[in-house]
Amino acid sequence: MVRVKVCGITNLEDALVAATAGADALGFNFWPRSPRFVEPRRAAAIIARLPPFVTSVGVFVNEKRSRVESLAGHVGLAAVQLHGDESPDDAKALAAASLLVLKAFRVGPGFQPQELRRYRGVAAFLLDAEVKGQRGGTGRTFDWKQARVAGRYGRIMLAGGLTVENVAAAIRQAQPYGVDVCTGVEKTPGQKHHERLRAFIQRAKGTVVP
């Protein structure tokens, strides 16, 4: 069964709706420039209320390793998502600190799937659409066949413009380990549309990978 990560969580109600609906992981964005930025204290309070076996993921962009490790311990993160230009050494060091590491790559004309091989110890790779000047949450899709090729080099979390309407087709084409949704289940940035959120999770988990 395909795993589902719901990103851009900023409040307890959305977090509990997602968890109850069957989300495997919830993403908390600690990049200050994101419209879905959440204060660490608020994230910690939400994470403390999550049911067992829901993975809390902190999203960081070009943050110092020491700060990522410190914040992960303070907030109670089980995993970190590196959504900037972090090096293979950064990923390796964080994995050695007993954190699950997701490394994000923006997929555009210059994307080279073989680059994923350089990142040892990464639990999964998140592929998002490349949009100049933005670091995710764009609502744009990319050629899902590229994700399938990238799957030769590790587990793939498919992101970028996924919705209730297209997630089944995306899973069938990309054959990912999991999917990551944000804008496709929002009312406004950081506020989830609960009916669409539940429907998305149900549709994703009900789609059989060929």
C-alpha atoms as a PDB file:
ATOM      1  CA  MET A   1       0.000   0.000   0.000  1.00  0.00           C
ATOM      2  CA  VAL A   2       1.248   3.480  -0.895  1.00  0.00           C
ATOM      3  CA  ARG A   3       2.242   5.671   2.053  1.00  0.00           C
ATOM      4  CA  VAL A   4       0.715   9.126   2.434  1.00  0.00           C
ATOM      5  CA  LYS A   5       2.410  12.209   3.866  1.00  0.00           C
ATOM      6  CA  VAL A   6       0.356  15.350   4.466  1.00  0.00           C
ATOM      7  CA  CYS A   7       2.563  18.419   4.490  1.00  0.00           C
ATOM      8  CA  GLY A   8       2.035  21.974   5.672  1.00  0.00           C
ATOM      9  CA  ILE A   9       0.370  21.103   8.981  1.00  0.00           C
ATOM     10  CA  THR A  10      -0.089  24.199  11.157  1.00  0.00           C
ATOM     11  CA  ASN A  11      -2.870  23.272  13.584  1.00  0.00           C
ATOM     12  CA  LEU A  12      -4.031  20.373  15.737  1.00  0.00           C
ATOM     13  CA  GLU A  13      -7.420  19.911  14.090  1.00  0.00           C
ATOM     14  CA  ASP A  14      -5.923  19.319  10.642  1.00  0.00           C
ATOM     15  CA  ALA A  15      -3.293  17.006  12.126  1.00  0.00           C
ATOM     16  CA  LEU A  16      -5.847  14.807  13.880  1.00  0.00           C
ATOM     17  CA  VAL A  17      -8.148  14.674  10.855  1.00  0.00           C
ATOM     18  CA  ALA A  18      -5.231  13.544   8.696  1.00  0.00           C
ATOM     19  CA  ALA A  19      -4.061  10.969  11.227  1.00  0.00           C
ATOM     20  CA  THR A  20      -7.553   9.555  11.732  1.00  0.00           C
ATOM     21  CA  ALA A  21      -8.031   9.313   7.972  1.00  0.00           C
ATOM     22  CA  GLY A  22      -4.916   7.156   7.701  1.00  0.00           C
ATOM     23  CA  ALA A  23      -1.994   9.476   6.960  1.00  0.00           C
ATOM     24  CA  ASP A  24       1.339   7.815   7.632  1.00  0.00           C
ATOM     25  CA  ALA A  25       3.292  11.046   8.126  1.00  0.00           C
ATOM     26  CA  LEU A  26       2.666  14.730   8.756  1.00  0.00           C
ATOM     27  CA  GLY A  27       4.987  17.512   7.627  1.00  0.00           C
ATOM     28  CA  PHE A  28       5.774  20.636   9.663  1.00  0.00           C
ATOM     29  CA  ASN A  29       7.473  23.450   7.759  1.00  0.00           C
ATOM     30  CA  PHE A  30      10.235  25.269   9.645  1.00  0.00           C
ATOM     31  CA  TRP A  31      11.359  27.431   6.733  1.00  0.00           C
ATOM     32  CA  PRO A  32      10.489  30.996   7.778  1.00  0.00           C
ATOM     33  CA  ARG A  33       9.718  32.123   4.213  1.00  0.00           C
ATOM     34  CA  SER A  34       7.041  29.479   3.717  1.00  0.00           C
ATOM     35  CA  PRO A  35       3.368  30.529   3.964  1.00  0.00           C
ATOM     36  CA  ARG A  36       2.951  27.282   5.936  1.00  0.00           C
ATOM     37  CA  PHE A  37       5.674  28.067   8.457  1.00  0.00           C
ATOM     38  CA  VAL A  38       4.880  26.809  11.950  1.00  0.00           C
ATOM     39  CA  GLU A  39       6.558  27.967  15.153  1.00  0.00           C
ATOM     40  CA  PRO A  40       8.522  25.145  16.838  1.00  0.00           C
ATOM     41  CA  ARG A  41       6.577  25.505  20.090  1.00  0.00           C
ATOM     42  CA  ARG A  42       3.277  25.128  18.244  1.00  0.00           C
ATOM     43  CA  ALA A  43       4.579  22.138  16.266  1.00  0.00           C
ATOM     44  CA  ALA A  44       5.741  20.448  19.472  1.00  0.00           C
ATOM     45  CA  ALA A  45       2.283  20.837  21.017  1.00  0.00           C
ATOM     46  CA  ILE A  46       0.658  19.271  17.946  1.00  0.00           C
ATOM     47  CA  ILE A  47       3.154  16.397  17.731  1.00  0.00           C
ATOM     48  CA  ALA A  48       2.605  15.578  21.401  1.00  0.00           C
ATOM     49  CA  ARG A  49      -1.060  14.878  20.601  1.00  0.00           C
ATOM     50  CA  LEU A  50      -0.503  12.632  17.590  1.00  0.00           C
ATOM     51  CA  PRO A  51      -1.490   8.958  17.819  1.00  0.00           C
ATOM     52  CA  PRO A  52       1.220   6.260  17.728  1.00  0.00           C
ATOM     53  CA  PHE A  53       2.803   5.294  14.408  1.00  0.00           C
ATOM     54  CA  VAL A  54       2.187   8.651  12.702  1.00  0.00           C
ATOM     55  CA  THR A  55       5.603   9.984  11.696  1.00  0.00           C
ATOM     56  CA  SER A  56       6.328  13.653  12.348  1.00  0.00           C
ATOM     57  CA  VAL A  57       8.538  15.215   9.659  1.00  0.00           C
ATOM     58  CA  GLY A  58      10.268  18.585   9.925  1.00  0.00           C
ATOM     59  CA  VAL A  59      10.836  20.433   6.651  1.00  0.00           C
ATOM     60  CA  PHE A  60      14.046  22.483   6.455  1.00  0.00           C
ATOM     61  CA  VAL A  61      15.685  24.561   3.718  1.00  0.00           C
ATOM     62  CA  ASN A  62      19.478  24.999   3.866  1.00  0.00           C
ATOM     63  CA  GLU A  63      19.472  24.979   7.654  1.00  0.00           C
ATOM     64  CA  LYS A  64      22.606  24.258   9.722  1.00  0.00           C
ATOM     65  CA  ARG A  65      22.885  20.624  10.789  1.00  0.00           C
ATOM     66  CA  SER A  66      23.229  21.596  14.427  1.00  0.00           C
ATOM     67  CA  ARG A  67      19.973  23.552  14.323  1.00  0.00           C
ATOM     68  CA  VAL A  68      18.143  20.713  12.553  1.00  0.00           C
ATOM     69  CA  GLU A  69      19.310  18.220  15.188  1.00  0.00           C
ATOM     70  CA  SER A  70      18.479  20.567  18.050  1.00  0.00           C
ATOM     71  CA  LEU A  71      15.028  21.409  16.736  1.00  0.00           C
ATOM     72  CA  ALA A  72      14.264  17.766  15.972  1.00  0.00           C
ATOM     73  CA  GLY A  73      14.966  16.822  19.578  1.00  0.00           C
ATOM     74  CA  HIS A  74      13.109  19.777  21.039  1.00  0.00           C
ATOM     75  CA  VAL A  75      10.003  19.376  18.894  1.00  0.00           C
ATOM     76  CA  GLY A  76       9.892  15.577  18.836  1.00  0.00           C
ATOM     77  CA  LEU A  77      10.525  14.925  15.154  1.00  0.00           C
ATOM     78  CA  ALA A  78      11.052  11.382  13.912  1.00  0.00           C
ATOM     79  CA  ALA A  79      12.243  12.504  10.473  1.00  0.00           C
ATOM     80  CA  VAL A  80      13.631  15.523   8.669  1.00  0.00           C
ATOM     81  CA  GLN A  81      13.009  16.597   5.099  1.00  0.00           C
ATOM     82  CA  LEU A  82      15.882  18.498   3.485  1.00  0.00           C
ATOM     83  CA  HIS A  83      14.252  20.714   0.896  1.00  0.00           C
ATOM     84  CA  GLY A  84      17.177  22.907  -0.111  1.00  0.00           C
ATOM     85  CA  ASP A  85      20.663  22.370  -1.512  1.00  0.00           C
ATOM     86  CA  GLU A  86      21.908  20.160   1.296  1.00  0.00           C
ATOM     87  CA  SER A  87      24.922  17.973   0.524  1.00  0.00           C
ATOM     88  CA  PRO A  88      25.270  14.194   0.771  1.00  0.00           C
ATOM     89  CA  ASP A  89      27.422  14.790   3.874  1.00  0.00           C
ATOM     90  CA  ASP A  90      24.588  16.754   5.500  1.00  0.00           C
ATOM     91  CA  ALA A  91      22.155  13.905   4.877  1.00  0.00           C
ATOM     92  CA  LYS A  92      24.618  11.287   6.092  1.00  0.00           C
ATOM     93  CA  ALA A  93      25.358  13.184   9.316  1.00  0.00           C
ATOM     94  CA  LEU A  94      21.679  13.620  10.159  1.00  0.00           C
ATOM     95  CA  ALA A  95      20.986   9.953   9.452  1.00  0.00           C
ATOM     96  CA  ALA A  96      23.844   9.081  11.811  1.00  0.00           C
ATOM     97  CA  ALA A  97      22.023  11.126  14.475  1.00  0.00           C
ATOM     98  CA  SER A  98      19.212   8.537  14.395  1.00  0.00           C
ATOM     99  CA  LEU A  99      16.897  10.663  12.255  1.00  0.00           C
ATOM    100  CA  LEU A 100      15.056   9.404   9.204  1.00  0.00           C
ATOM    101  CA  VAL A 101      16.128  11.650   6.336  1.00  0.00           C
ATOM    102  CA  LEU A 102      14.075  12.569   3.283  1.00  0.00           C
ATOM    103  CA  LYS A 103      15.967  14.493   0.606  1.00  0.00           C
ATOM    104  CA  ALA A 104      13.906  16.596  -1.760  1.00  0.00           C
ATOM    105  CA  PHE A 105      14.779  17.179  -5.395  1.00  0.00           C
ATOM    106  CA  ARG A 106      13.067  19.630  -7.717  1.00  0.00           C
ATOM    107  CA  VAL A 107      12.307  18.010 -11.053  1.00  0.00           C
ATOM    108  CA  GLY A 108      12.760  20.192 -14.101  1.00  0.00           C
ATOM    109  CA  PRO A 109      14.607  20.141 -17.434  1.00  0.00           C
ATOM    110  CA  GLY A 110      18.004  19.634 -15.773  1.00  0.00           C
ATOM    111  CA  PHE A 111      16.977  16.870 -13.376  1.00  0.00           C
ATOM    112  CA  GLN A 112      19.400  13.952 -13.342  1.00  0.00           C
ATOM    113  CA  PRO A 113      17.940  10.911 -11.498  1.00  0.00           C
ATOM    114  CA  GLN A 114      21.380   9.370 -11.026  1.00  0.00           C
ATOM    115  CA  GLU A 115      22.252  12.229  -8.641  1.00  0.00           C
ATOM    116  CA  LEU A 116      20.217  10.405  -6.017  1.00  0.00           C
ATOM    117  CA  ARG A 117      22.960   7.786  -5.752  1.00  0.00           C
ATOM    118  CA  ARG A 118      25.211  10.301  -3.994  1.00  0.00           C
ATOM    119  CA  TYR A 119      22.925  10.479  -0.955  1.00  0.00           C
ATOM    120  CA  ARG A 120      23.751   7.479   1.226  1.00  0.00           C
ATOM    121  CA  GLY A 121      21.607   6.626   4.212  1.00  0.00           C
ATOM    122  CA  VAL A 122      18.576   8.556   3.000  1.00  0.00           C
ATOM    123  CA  ALA A 123      15.268   6.870   3.878  1.00  0.00           C
ATOM    124  CA  ALA A 124      13.466   8.256   0.826  1.00  0.00           C
ATOM    125  CA  PHE A 125      13.684  10.901  -1.888  1.00  0.00           C
ATOM    126  CA  LEU A 126      10.896  13.436  -2.336  1.00  0.00           C
ATOM    127  CA  LEU A 127      10.419  14.636  -5.903  1.00  0.00           C
ATOM    128  CA  ASP A 128       8.638  17.957  -6.419  1.00  0.00           C
ATOM    129  CA  ALA A 129       8.050  20.177  -9.433  1.00  0.00           C
ATOM    130  CA  GLU A 130      10.724  22.772 -10.117  1.00  0.00           C
ATOM    131  CA  VAL A 131       9.373  26.319 -10.029  1.00  0.00           C
ATOM    132  CA  LYS A 132      11.880  29.171 -10.088  1.00  0.00           C
ATOM    133  CA  GLY A 133      12.170  30.975  -6.776  1.00  0.00           C
ATOM    134  CA  GLN A 134       9.982  28.519  -4.847  1.00  0.00           C
ATOM    135  CA  ARG A 135      10.738  25.562  -2.573  1.00  0.00           C
ATOM    136  CA  GLY A 136       7.625  23.427  -2.885  1.00  0.00           C
ATOM    137  CA  GLY A 137       3.951  23.999  -2.220  1.00  0.00           C
ATOM    138  CA  THR A 138       3.478  25.294  -5.760  1.00  0.00           C
ATOM    139  CA  GLY A 139       0.613  23.058  -6.850  1.00  0.00           C
ATOM    140  CA  ARG A 140       2.514  22.220 -10.057  1.00  0.00           C
ATOM    141  CA  THR A 141       2.998  18.711 -11.425  1.00  0.00           C
ATOM    142  CA  PHE A 142       5.872  17.246 -13.440  1.00  0.00           C
ATOM    143  CA  ASP A 143       6.344  14.263 -15.734  1.00  0.00           C
ATOM    144  CA  TRP A 144       5.589  11.348 -13.397  1.00  0.00           C
ATOM    145  CA  LYS A 145       7.577   8.967 -15.584  1.00  0.00           C
ATOM    146  CA  GLN A 146      10.728  10.665 -14.298  1.00  0.00           C
ATOM    147  CA  ALA A 147       9.797   9.581 -10.790  1.00  0.00           C
ATOM    148  CA  ARG A 148       9.531   5.997 -11.958  1.00  0.00           C
ATOM    149  CA  VAL A 149      13.055   6.190 -13.396  1.00  0.00           C
ATOM    150  CA  ALA A 150      14.341   7.774 -10.176  1.00  0.00           C
ATOM    151  CA  GLY A 151      12.920   4.797  -8.289  1.00  0.00           C
ATOM    152  CA  ARG A 152      15.929   2.781  -9.416  1.00  0.00           C
ATOM    153  CA  TYR A 153      17.997   4.713  -6.884  1.00  0.00           C
ATOM    154  CA  GLY A 154      15.793   4.567  -3.785  1.00  0.00           C
ATOM    155  CA  ARG A 155      12.320   4.984  -2.330  1.00  0.00           C
ATOM    156  CA  ILE A 156      10.407   7.804  -3.985  1.00  0.00           C
ATOM    157  CA  MET A 157       7.869  10.113  -2.357  1.00  0.00           C
ATOM    158  CA  LEU A 158       5.937  11.779  -5.161  1.00  0.00           C
ATOM    159  CA  ALA A 159       4.910  15.406  -4.603  1.00  0.00           C
ATOM    160  CA  GLY A 160       3.871  18.386  -6.685  1.00  0.00           C
ATOM    161  CA  GLY A 161       0.298  19.247  -7.632  1.00  0.00           C
ATOM    162  CA  LEU A 162      -1.304  16.024  -6.402  1.00  0.00           C
ATOM    163  CA  THR A 163      -5.070  16.147  -5.885  1.00  0.00           C
ATOM    164  CA  VAL A 164      -7.994  13.815  -5.279  1.00  0.00           C
ATOM    165  CA  GLU A 165      -8.587  13.865  -9.014  1.00  0.00           C
ATOM    166  CA  ASN A 166      -5.089  12.918 -10.214  1.00  0.00           C
ATOM    167  CA  VAL A 167      -3.437  10.937  -7.407  1.00  0.00           C
ATOM    168  CA  ALA A 168      -4.537   7.521  -8.684  1.00  0.00           C
ATOM    169  CA  ALA A 169      -3.117   8.210 -12.159  1.00  0.00           C
ATOM    170  CA  ALA A 170       0.073   9.575 -10.597  1.00  0.00           C
ATOM    171  CA  ILE A 171       0.574   6.430  -8.519  1.00  0.00           C
ATOM    172  CA  ARG A 172      -0.024   4.136 -11.465  1.00  0.00           C
ATOM    173  CA  GLN A 173       2.494   6.023 -13.630  1.00  0.00           C
ATOM    174  CA  ALA A 174       5.197   6.791 -11.068  1.00  0.00           C
ATOM    175  CA  GLN A 175       4.860   3.662  -8.887  1.00  0.00           C
ATOM    176  CA  PRO A 176       6.182   5.533  -5.842  1.00  0.00           C
ATOM    177  CA  TYR A 177       6.794   4.361  -2.310  1.00  0.00           C
ATOM    178  CA  GLY A 178       4.547   7.171  -1.149  1.00  0.00           C
ATOM    179  CA  VAL A 179       2.829  10.426  -2.068  1.00  0.00           C
ATOM    180  CA  ASP A 180       3.056  13.849  -0.455  1.00  0.00           C
ATOM    181  CA  VAL A 181       0.128  16.269  -0.580  1.00  0.00           C
ATOM    182  CA  CYS A 182      -0.126  19.890   0.461  1.00  0.00           C
ATOM    183  CA  THR A 183      -1.878  22.456  -1.751  1.00  0.00           C
ATOM    184  CA  GLY A 184      -4.230  19.858  -3.248  1.00  0.00           C
ATOM    185  CA  VAL A 185      -6.106  19.487   0.046  1.00  0.00           C
ATOM    186  CA  GLU A 186      -6.000  23.095   1.250  1.00  0.00           C
ATOM    187  CA  LYS A 187      -8.621  25.806   1.679  1.00  0.00           C
ATOM    188  CA  THR A 188      -5.892  28.403   2.190  1.00  0.00           C
ATOM    189  CA  PRO A 189      -2.143  27.955   2.818  1.00  0.00           C
ATOM    190  CA  GLY A 190      -1.777  26.038   6.075  1.00  0.00           C
ATOM    191  CA  GLN A 191      -5.509  25.285   6.427  1.00  0.00           C
ATOM    192  CA  LYS A 192      -6.740  21.916   5.179  1.00  0.00           C
ATOM    193  CA  HIS A 193     -10.036  21.115   3.477  1.00  0.00           C
ATOM    194  CA  HIS A 194     -11.078  18.118   5.537  1.00  0.00           C
ATOM    195  CA  GLU A 195     -13.354  16.443   2.999  1.00  0.00           C
ATOM    196  CA  ARG A 196     -10.709  16.626   0.287  1.00  0.00           C
ATOM    197  CA  LEU A 197      -8.042  15.493   2.731  1.00  0.00           C
ATOM    198  CA  ARG A 198      -9.993  12.372   3.683  1.00  0.00           C
ATOM    199  CA  ALA A 199     -10.857  11.655   0.054  1.00  0.00           C
ATOM    200  CA  PHE A 200      -7.235  12.042  -1.028  1.00  0.00           C
ATOM    201  CA  ILE A 201      -5.946   9.582   1.553  1.00  0.00           C
ATOM    202  CA  GLN A 202      -8.676   7.071   0.715  1.00  0.00           C
ATOM    203  CA  ARG A 203      -8.000   7.355  -3.021  1.00  0.00           C
ATOM    204  CA  ALA A 204      -4.227   7.074  -2.630  1.00  0.00           C
ATOM    205  CA  LYS A 205      -4.356   4.058  -0.363  1.00  0.00           C
ATOM    206  CA  GLY A 206      -6.954   2.388  -2.544  1.00  0.00           C
ATOM    207  CA  THR A 207      -4.806   2.621  -5.682  1.00  0.00           C
ATOM    208  CA  VAL A 208      -2.943  -0.558  -6.544  1.00  0.00           C
ATOM    209  CA  VAL A 209       0.579  -0.134  -7.896  1.00  0.00           C
ATOM    210  CA  PRO A 210       1.025  -2.267 -11.058  1.00  0.00           C
END
